[in-house]
C-alpha atoms as a PDB file:
ATOM      1  CA  MET A   1      95.768  49.844  84.036  1.00  0.00           C
ATOM      2  CA  ILE A   2      96.802  52.416  81.499  1.00  0.00           C
ATOM      3  CA  PRO A   3      95.056  52.436  78.111  1.00  0.00           C
ATOM      4  CA  VAL A   4      97.442  51.549  75.267  1.00  0.00           C
ATOM      5  CA  ARG A   5      96.953  52.959  71.770  1.00  0.00           C
ATOM      6  CA  ILE A   6      98.849  51.518  68.817  1.00  0.00           C
ATOM      7  CA  GLN A   7      99.471  53.653  65.753  1.00  0.00           C
ATOM      8  CA  GLN A   8      99.147  52.143  62.286  1.00  0.00           C
ATOM      9  CA  GLU A   9     102.896  52.195  61.673  1.00  0.00           C
ATOM     10  CA  VAL A  10     103.413  49.761  64.573  1.00  0.00           C
ATOM     11  CA  LEU A  11     100.616  47.505  63.311  1.00  0.00           C
ATOM     12  CA  ASP A  12     102.180  47.505  59.844  1.00  0.00           C
ATOM     13  CA  TYR A  13     105.537  46.459  61.308  1.00  0.00           C
ATOM     14  CA  LEU A  14     103.898  43.624  63.255  1.00  0.00           C
ATOM     15  CA  LYS A  15     102.444  42.243  60.003  1.00  0.00           C
ATOM     16  CA  LEU A  16     105.971  41.933  58.568  1.00  0.00           C
ATOM     17  CA  LEU A  17     107.266  39.741  61.382  1.00  0.00           C
ATOM     18  CA  ALA A  18     107.361  35.974  61.619  1.00  0.00           C
ATOM     19  CA  PRO A  19     104.733  34.462  63.961  1.00  0.00           C
ATOM     20  CA  GLN A  20     106.940  34.068  67.063  1.00  0.00           C
ATOM     21  CA  PRO A  21     108.427  37.597  67.171  1.00  0.00           C
ATOM     22  CA  ARG A  22     105.005  39.044  66.279  1.00  0.00           C
ATOM     23  CA  HIS A  23     103.400  37.176  69.175  1.00  0.00           C
ATOM     24  CA  ALA A  24     106.175  38.264  71.573  1.00  0.00           C
ATOM     25  CA  LEU A  25     105.718  41.918  70.585  1.00  0.00           C
ATOM     26  CA  LYS A  26     101.931  41.739  70.960  1.00  0.00           C
ATOM     27  CA  VAL A  27     102.261  40.228  74.442  1.00  0.00           C
ATOM     28  CA  ALA A  28     104.841  42.860  75.435  1.00  0.00           C
ATOM     29  CA  ILE A  29     102.663  45.713  74.142  1.00  0.00           C
ATOM     30  CA  LYS A  30      99.712  44.376  76.155  1.00  0.00           C
ATOM     31  CA  GLY A  31     102.014  44.353  79.199  1.00  0.00           C
ATOM     32  CA  LEU A  32     102.559  48.096  78.773  1.00  0.00           C
ATOM     33  CA  ALA A  33      99.074  48.620  80.233  1.00  0.00           C
ATOM     34  CA  GLN A  34     100.601  47.576  83.559  1.00  0.00           C
ATOM     35  CA  GLU A  35     103.978  49.134  82.725  1.00  0.00           C
ATOM     36  CA  LYS A  36     105.585  45.698  82.561  1.00  0.00           C
ATOM     37  CA  GLY A  37     108.549  44.863  80.396  1.00  0.00           C
ATOM     38  CA  ASP A  38     112.007  46.182  79.644  1.00  0.00           C
ATOM     39  CA  ILE A  39     111.088  49.871  79.524  1.00  0.00           C
ATOM     40  CA  LYS A  40     113.598  52.692  79.380  1.00  0.00           C
ATOM     41  CA  ALA A  41     113.203  56.442  78.955  1.00  0.00           C
ATOM     42  CA  LEU A  42     115.051  57.797  75.915  1.00  0.00           C
ATOM     43  CA  CYS A  43     117.278  60.860  76.122  1.00  0.00           C
ATOM     44  CA  ASP A  44     118.827  63.640  74.052  1.00  0.00           C
ATOM     45  CA  GLU A  45     116.900  64.211  70.807  1.00  0.00           C
ATOM     46  CA  LEU A  46     114.368  61.494  71.717  1.00  0.00           C
ATOM     47  CA  GLU A  47     113.615  62.814  75.198  1.00  0.00           C
ATOM     48  CA  GLY A  48     109.947  62.435  76.059  1.00  0.00           C
ATOM     49  CA  PHE A  49     109.763  59.032  74.412  1.00  0.00           C
ATOM     50  CA  ASN A  50     110.339  55.603  75.923  1.00  0.00           C
ATOM     51  CA  ARG A  51     111.319  52.269  74.468  1.00  0.00           C
ATOM     52  CA  LEU A  52     110.117  48.768  75.114  1.00  0.00           C
ATOM     53  CA  ARG A  53     112.735  46.109  74.357  1.00  0.00           C
ATOM     54  CA  VAL A  54     111.486  42.748  73.093  1.00  0.00           C
ATOM     55  CA  GLY A  55     114.432  40.659  71.928  1.00  0.00           C
ATOM     56  CA  SER A  56     116.051  42.467  69.014  1.00  0.00           C
ATOM     57  CA  ASN A  57     112.936  44.582  68.411  1.00  0.00           C
ATOM     58  CA  ARG A  58     111.996  47.883  69.984  1.00  0.00           C
ATOM     59  CA  VAL A  59     108.712  49.732  70.356  1.00  0.00           C
ATOM     60  CA  ILE A  60     108.929  53.475  70.879  1.00  0.00           C
ATOM     61  CA  PHE A  61     106.051  54.922  72.866  1.00  0.00           C
ATOM     62  CA  GLU A  62     105.068  58.032  74.739  1.00  0.00           C
ATOM     63  CA  TYR A  63     102.833  58.862  77.657  1.00  0.00           C
ATOM     64  CA  GLN A  64     100.024  61.259  76.801  1.00  0.00           C
ATOM     65  CA  LEU A  65      97.032  62.793  78.529  1.00  0.00           C
ATOM     66  CA  ILE A  66      93.938  61.965  76.487  1.00  0.00           C
ATOM     67  CA  ASP A  67      90.573  62.991  77.945  1.00  0.00           C
ATOM     68  CA  GLU A  68      92.417  63.693  81.209  1.00  0.00           C
ATOM     69  CA  LYS A  69      93.544  60.077  81.313  1.00  0.00           C
ATOM     70  CA  ARG A  70      97.177  58.960  81.204  1.00  0.00           C
ATOM     71  CA  THR A  71      97.567  56.924  78.023  1.00  0.00           C
ATOM     72  CA  ILE A  72     100.420  55.078  76.327  1.00  0.00           C
ATOM     73  CA  THR A  73     100.705  55.567  72.565  1.00  0.00           C
ATOM     74  CA  CYS A  74     102.980  53.192  70.651  1.00  0.00           C
ATOM     75  CA  VAL A  75     104.319  55.319  67.800  1.00  0.00           C
ATOM     76  CA  PHE A  76     107.080  53.320  66.091  1.00  0.00           C
ATOM     77  CA  ALA A  77     108.537  49.807  66.049  1.00  0.00           C
ATOM     78  CA  GLY A  78     111.482  48.131  64.401  1.00  0.00           C
ATOM     79  CA  PRO A  79     114.735  46.260  64.892  1.00  0.00           C
ATOM     80  CA  ARG A  80     117.256  47.752  67.268  1.00  0.00           C
ATOM     81  CA  LYS A  81     119.922  48.194  64.597  1.00  0.00           C
ATOM     82  CA  TRP A  82     118.094  51.090  62.896  1.00  0.00           C
ATOM     83  CA  ILE A  83     114.999  52.129  64.841  1.00  0.00           C
ATOM     84  CA  TYR A  84     116.489  55.070  66.759  1.00  0.00           C
ATOM     85  CA  GLU A  85     118.111  56.679  63.729  1.00  0.00           C
ATOM     86  CA  VAL A  86     115.019  56.284  61.522  1.00  0.00           C
ATOM     87  CA  PHE A  87     112.662  57.488  64.254  1.00  0.00           C
ATOM     88  CA  HIS A  88     114.863  60.512  64.972  1.00  0.00           C
ATOM     89  CA  ASN A  89     114.845  61.406  61.275  1.00  0.00           C
ATOM     90  CA  ARG A  90     111.037  61.136  61.151  1.00  0.00           C
ATOM     91  CA  ILE A  91     110.407  63.392  64.117  1.00  0.00           C
ATOM     92  CA  SER A  92     112.974  65.904  62.825  1.00  0.00           C
ATOM     93  CA  GLU A  93     111.139  66.386  59.518  1.00  0.00           C
END
Protein backbone atom coordinates (compact mmCIF):
# COMPACT_ATOMS: atom_id res chain seq x y z
CA MET A 1 0.00 0.00 0.00
CA ILE A 2 1.11 3.50 -0.80
CA PRO A 3 0.72 6.19 1.87
CA VAL A 4 -1.80 8.87 0.86
CA ARG A 5 -1.46 12.46 2.06
CA ILE A 6 -4.32 14.92 1.66
CA GLN A 7 -3.61 18.63 1.52
CA GLN A 8 -5.89 21.07 3.33
CA GLU A 9 -7.39 22.40 0.11
CA VAL A 10 -8.83 18.94 -0.66
CA LEU A 11 -10.19 18.61 2.89
CA ASP A 12 -11.82 22.03 2.58
CA TYR A 13 -13.51 20.99 -0.67
CA LEU A 14 -14.81 17.79 0.94
CA LYS A 15 -16.49 19.86 3.68
CA LEU A 16 -18.49 21.74 1.02
CA LEU A 17 -20.02 18.61 -0.49
CA ALA A 18 -23.30 16.92 0.34
CA PRO A 19 -22.95 13.69 2.37
CA GLN A 20 -23.15 11.21 -0.53
CA PRO A 21 -20.55 12.81 -2.85
CA ARG A 22 -18.31 13.49 0.17
CA HIS A 23 -18.48 9.83 1.19
CA ALA A 24 -17.80 8.68 -2.39
CA LEU A 25 -14.72 10.92 -2.62
CA LYS A 26 -13.39 9.74 0.75
CA VAL A 27 -13.76 6.09 -0.28
CA ALA A 28 -12.08 6.77 -3.64
CA ILE A 29 -9.18 8.62 -1.99
CA LYS A 30 -8.66 5.69 0.40
CA GLY A 31 -8.59 3.42 -2.67
CA LEU A 32 -5.62 5.40 -4.02
CA ALA A 33 -3.45 3.59 -1.46
CA GLN A 34 -3.90 0.51 -3.64
CA GLU A 35 -4.01 2.55 -6.85
CA LYS A 36 -7.67 1.67 -7.36
CA GLY A 37 -10.15 3.87 -9.14
CA ASP A 38 -10.48 5.77 -12.38
CA ILE A 39 -6.93 7.15 -12.48
CA LYS A 40 -5.41 8.91 -15.46
CA ALA A 41 -2.10 10.70 -15.95
CA LEU A 42 -2.51 14.33 -17.01
CA CYS A 43 -0.57 15.81 -19.91
CA ASP A 44 0.68 19.08 -21.38
CA GLU A 45 0.89 21.82 -18.74
CA LEU A 46 -0.30 19.42 -16.01
CA GLU A 47 2.20 16.67 -16.80
CA GLY A 48 3.47 15.01 -13.64
CA PHE A 49 0.03 15.09 -12.04
CA ASN A 50 -2.73 12.50 -12.15
CA ARG A 51 -6.46 12.68 -11.69
CA LEU A 52 -8.91 10.47 -9.89
CA ARG A 53 -12.43 10.62 -11.32
CA VAL A 54 -15.32 10.17 -8.89
CA GLY A 55 -18.58 10.98 -10.65
CA SER A 56 -18.48 14.63 -11.66
CA ASN A 57 -15.67 15.38 -9.19
CA ARG A 58 -11.94 15.09 -9.71
CA VAL A 59 -9.01 14.83 -7.33
CA ILE A 60 -5.63 15.89 -8.68
CA PHE A 61 -2.71 14.10 -7.09
CA GLU A 62 0.96 13.45 -7.62
CA TYR A 63 3.40 10.72 -6.74
CA GLN A 64 6.27 11.87 -4.54
CA LEU A 65 9.24 10.32 -2.79
CA ILE A 66 9.01 11.19 0.90
CA ASP A 67 11.58 9.61 3.22
CA GLU A 68 12.53 7.34 0.31
CA LYS A 69 8.97 6.05 0.20
CA ARG A 70 6.63 6.44 -2.77
CA THR A 71 3.72 8.56 -1.56
CA ILE A 72 0.54 9.92 -3.12
CA THR A 73 -0.29 13.54 -2.30
CA CYS A 74 -3.79 14.77 -3.13
CA VAL A 75 -3.28 18.44 -3.98
CA PHE A 76 -6.57 19.74 -5.42
CA ALA A 77 -10.20 18.68 -5.80
CA GLY A 78 -13.25 20.09 -7.51
CA PRO A 79 -15.93 19.56 -10.13
CA ARG A 80 -14.81 18.54 -13.58
CA LYS A 81 -16.21 21.64 -15.26
CA TRP A 82 -13.52 23.95 -13.81
CA ILE A 83 -10.88 21.99 -11.90
CA TYR A 84 -8.25 21.74 -14.65
CA GLU A 85 -8.35 25.42 -15.57
CA VAL A 86 -8.25 26.61 -11.94
CA PHE A 87 -5.50 24.17 -11.00
CA HIS A 88 -3.42 25.17 -14.03
CA ASN A 89 -3.76 28.83 -13.06
CA ARG A 90 -2.65 28.06 -9.48
CA ILE A 91 0.47 26.17 -10.46
CA SER A 92 1.35 28.84 -13.04
CA GLU A 93 1.43 31.62 -10.43
